[in-house]
Amino acid sequence: VQYCIDSDVVSRRHVQLTKENQKYYITDLHSTNGTWVNDRQLMPGRSYELYQGETVKIADICYEVKIE
């Protein structure tokens, strides 16, 4: 699924979210303005596991992780 965030600070291909074995992962796709999880900037190209309640910041837009 592709999702578009209408913002000038979000890269055209900013992050990738994946699910493997009931776990969710986020990968920064070498974006211009970066991606953060809980105020830690992600290293581009490396996958990080996401946990319930964490905060994901894509450029200047924040989201809360909710896993059902």
N, C-alpha and C. Protein backbone atom coordinates (compact mmCIF):
# COMPACT_ATOMS: atom_id res chain seq x y z
N VAL A 1 0.85 -1.17 0.00
CA VAL A 1 0.00 0.00 0.00
C VAL A 1 0.89 1.23 0.00
N GLN A 2 0.54 2.18 -0.82
CA GLN A 2 1.26 3.45 -0.83
C GLN A 2 0.39 4.51 -0.19
N TYR A 3 1.03 5.41 0.55
CA TYR A 3 0.31 6.49 1.22
C TYR A 3 1.06 7.78 0.93
N CYS A 4 0.35 8.81 0.57
CA CYS A 4 0.97 10.09 0.24
C CYS A 4 0.70 11.10 1.35
N ILE A 5 1.77 11.71 1.85
CA ILE A 5 1.66 12.79 2.83
C ILE A 5 1.87 14.09 2.06
N ASP A 6 0.87 14.95 2.05
CA ASP A 6 0.93 16.20 1.30
C ASP A 6 1.69 17.25 2.11
N SER A 7 3.01 17.25 1.97
CA SER A 7 3.85 18.17 2.70
C SER A 7 5.13 18.42 1.91
N ASP A 8 5.59 19.65 1.91
CA ASP A 8 6.81 20.01 1.18
C ASP A 8 8.07 19.45 1.82
N VAL A 9 8.01 19.03 3.08
CA VAL A 9 9.21 18.55 3.78
C VAL A 9 9.33 17.02 3.79
N VAL A 10 8.34 16.32 3.23
CA VAL A 10 8.38 14.87 3.16
C VAL A 10 8.85 14.47 1.77
N SER A 11 9.85 13.59 1.72
CA SER A 11 10.38 13.13 0.44
C SER A 11 9.35 12.30 -0.31
N ARG A 12 9.50 12.24 -1.61
CA ARG A 12 8.59 11.46 -2.45
C ARG A 12 8.56 9.99 -2.03
N ARG A 13 9.72 9.45 -1.71
CA ARG A 13 9.84 8.09 -1.16
C ARG A 13 10.60 8.24 0.15
N HIS A 14 9.88 8.41 1.24
CA HIS A 14 10.49 8.79 2.52
C HIS A 14 10.78 7.57 3.41
N VAL A 15 9.76 6.76 3.67
CA VAL A 15 9.92 5.58 4.53
C VAL A 15 9.21 4.37 3.93
N GLN A 16 9.61 3.21 4.43
CA GLN A 16 8.93 1.96 4.09
C GLN A 16 8.53 1.29 5.39
N LEU A 17 7.28 0.85 5.47
CA LEU A 17 6.78 0.09 6.62
C LEU A 17 6.57 -1.34 6.15
N THR A 18 7.08 -2.29 6.94
CA THR A 18 6.92 -3.70 6.58
C THR A 18 6.46 -4.50 7.80
N LYS A 19 5.86 -5.65 7.52
CA LYS A 19 5.42 -6.57 8.57
C LYS A 19 6.04 -7.93 8.28
N GLU A 20 6.71 -8.47 9.30
CA GLU A 20 7.33 -9.79 9.19
C GLU A 20 7.08 -10.55 10.49
N ASN A 21 6.47 -11.71 10.39
CA ASN A 21 6.22 -12.55 11.57
C ASN A 21 5.53 -11.79 12.69
N GLN A 22 4.48 -11.07 12.37
CA GLN A 22 3.68 -10.32 13.34
C GLN A 22 4.43 -9.14 13.98
N LYS A 23 5.56 -8.74 13.42
CA LYS A 23 6.31 -7.58 13.88
C LYS A 23 6.34 -6.54 12.77
N TYR A 24 6.35 -5.27 13.17
CA TYR A 24 6.36 -4.17 12.21
C TYR A 24 7.70 -3.46 12.23
N TYR A 25 8.15 -3.06 11.05
CA TYR A 25 9.45 -2.40 10.90
C TYR A 25 9.31 -1.14 10.06
N ILE A 26 10.18 -0.17 10.34
CA ILE A 26 10.23 1.06 9.56
C ILE A 26 11.65 1.24 9.04
N THR A 27 11.76 1.70 7.80
CA THR A 27 13.06 1.95 7.18
C THR A 27 13.03 3.32 6.52
N ASP A 28 13.96 4.18 6.85
CA ASP A 28 14.10 5.46 6.16
C ASP A 28 14.75 5.19 4.81
N LEU A 29 14.14 5.69 3.75
CA LEU A 29 14.61 5.44 2.38
C LEU A 29 15.52 6.57 1.90
N HIS A 30 16.48 6.94 2.73
CA HIS A 30 17.46 7.99 2.41
C HIS A 30 16.74 9.31 2.12
N SER A 31 15.78 9.64 2.97
CA SER A 31 14.98 10.85 2.82
C SER A 31 15.83 12.10 3.06
N THR A 32 15.36 13.21 2.55
CA THR A 32 16.07 14.48 2.71
C THR A 32 16.00 15.00 4.14
N ASN A 33 14.82 14.95 4.76
CA ASN A 33 14.63 15.55 6.08
C ASN A 33 14.56 14.56 7.23
N GLY A 34 14.82 13.29 6.97
CA GLY A 34 14.98 12.30 8.03
C GLY A 34 13.70 11.76 8.65
N THR A 35 13.90 10.68 9.41
CA THR A 35 12.84 9.98 10.13
C THR A 35 13.35 9.69 11.53
N TRP A 36 12.47 9.88 12.52
CA TRP A 36 12.83 9.65 13.91
C TRP A 36 11.84 8.69 14.56
N VAL A 37 12.34 7.86 15.50
CA VAL A 37 11.49 7.05 16.37
C VAL A 37 11.89 7.42 17.79
N ASN A 38 10.91 7.92 18.56
CA ASN A 38 11.17 8.37 19.94
C ASN A 38 12.36 9.32 20.02
N ASP A 39 12.37 10.31 19.15
CA ASP A 39 13.41 11.35 19.13
C ASP A 39 14.80 10.86 18.75
N ARG A 40 14.91 9.63 18.24
CA ARG A 40 16.19 9.11 17.73
C ARG A 40 16.11 9.07 16.22
N GLN A 41 17.04 9.74 15.54
CA GLN A 41 17.02 9.74 14.08
C GLN A 41 17.45 8.37 13.56
N LEU A 42 16.70 7.87 12.59
CA LEU A 42 17.01 6.57 12.01
C LEU A 42 18.14 6.68 11.02
N MET A 43 18.96 5.66 10.98
CA MET A 43 20.02 5.57 9.99
C MET A 43 19.37 5.12 8.67
N PRO A 44 19.54 5.85 7.59
CA PRO A 44 18.90 5.48 6.33
C PRO A 44 19.28 4.07 5.87
N GLY A 45 18.26 3.36 5.34
CA GLY A 45 18.49 2.03 4.81
C GLY A 45 18.46 0.90 5.83
N ARG A 46 18.37 1.22 7.11
CA ARG A 46 18.35 0.20 8.16
C ARG A 46 16.94 0.07 8.73
N SER A 47 16.46 -1.15 8.90
CA SER A 47 15.12 -1.40 9.44
C SER A 47 15.14 -1.38 10.96
N TYR A 48 14.11 -0.79 11.56
CA TYR A 48 13.95 -0.72 13.01
C TYR A 48 12.59 -1.28 13.36
N GLU A 49 12.53 -2.12 14.38
CA GLU A 49 11.26 -2.67 14.83
C GLU A 49 10.47 -1.58 15.56
N LEU A 50 9.15 -1.53 15.28
CA LEU A 50 8.27 -0.58 15.93
C LEU A 50 7.49 -1.26 17.05
N TYR A 51 7.25 -0.52 18.13
CA TYR A 51 6.52 -1.03 19.27
C TYR A 51 5.33 -0.11 19.58
N GLN A 52 4.32 -0.69 20.19
CA GLN A 52 3.11 0.03 20.59
C GLN A 52 3.46 1.29 21.37
N GLY A 53 2.84 2.42 20.99
CA GLY A 53 3.00 3.66 21.72
C GLY A 53 4.20 4.51 21.36
N GLU A 54 5.08 4.00 20.51
CA GLU A 54 6.24 4.80 20.12
C GLU A 54 5.78 5.97 19.24
N THR A 55 6.61 7.00 19.17
CA THR A 55 6.35 8.14 18.32
C THR A 55 7.25 8.08 17.10
N VAL A 56 6.63 8.18 15.92
CA VAL A 56 7.38 8.22 14.66
C VAL A 56 7.22 9.62 14.09
N LYS A 57 8.35 10.23 13.75
CA LYS A 57 8.33 11.56 13.15
C LYS A 57 8.91 11.45 11.75
N ILE A 58 8.07 11.78 10.77
CA ILE A 58 8.48 11.76 9.36
C ILE A 58 8.63 13.22 8.95
N ALA A 59 9.88 13.66 8.79
CA ALA A 59 10.21 15.07 8.56
C ALA A 59 9.67 15.86 9.75
N ASP A 60 8.59 16.63 9.59
CA ASP A 60 8.07 17.41 10.72
C ASP A 60 6.67 16.96 11.15
N ILE A 61 6.26 15.75 10.76
CA ILE A 61 4.93 15.24 11.06
C ILE A 61 5.06 14.04 12.01
N CYS A 62 4.34 14.07 13.15
CA CYS A 62 4.43 13.02 14.16
C CYS A 62 3.23 12.08 14.12
N TYR A 63 3.51 10.79 14.37
CA TYR A 63 2.50 9.74 14.44
C TYR A 63 2.77 8.90 15.68
N GLU A 64 1.71 8.32 16.24
CA GLU A 64 1.86 7.37 17.34
C GLU A 64 1.61 5.98 16.81
N VAL A 65 2.48 5.03 17.17
CA VAL A 65 2.35 3.65 16.71
C VAL A 65 1.24 2.97 17.48
N LYS A 66 0.29 2.41 16.74
CA LYS A 66 -0.80 1.62 17.34
C LYS A 66 -0.84 0.29 16.61
N ILE A 67 -0.53 -0.77 17.33
CA ILE A 67 -0.50 -2.11 16.76
C ILE A 67 -1.68 -2.87 17.27
N GLU A 68 -2.48 -3.40 16.35
CA GLU A 68 -3.68 -4.16 16.74
C GLU A 68 -3.53 -5.61 16.42
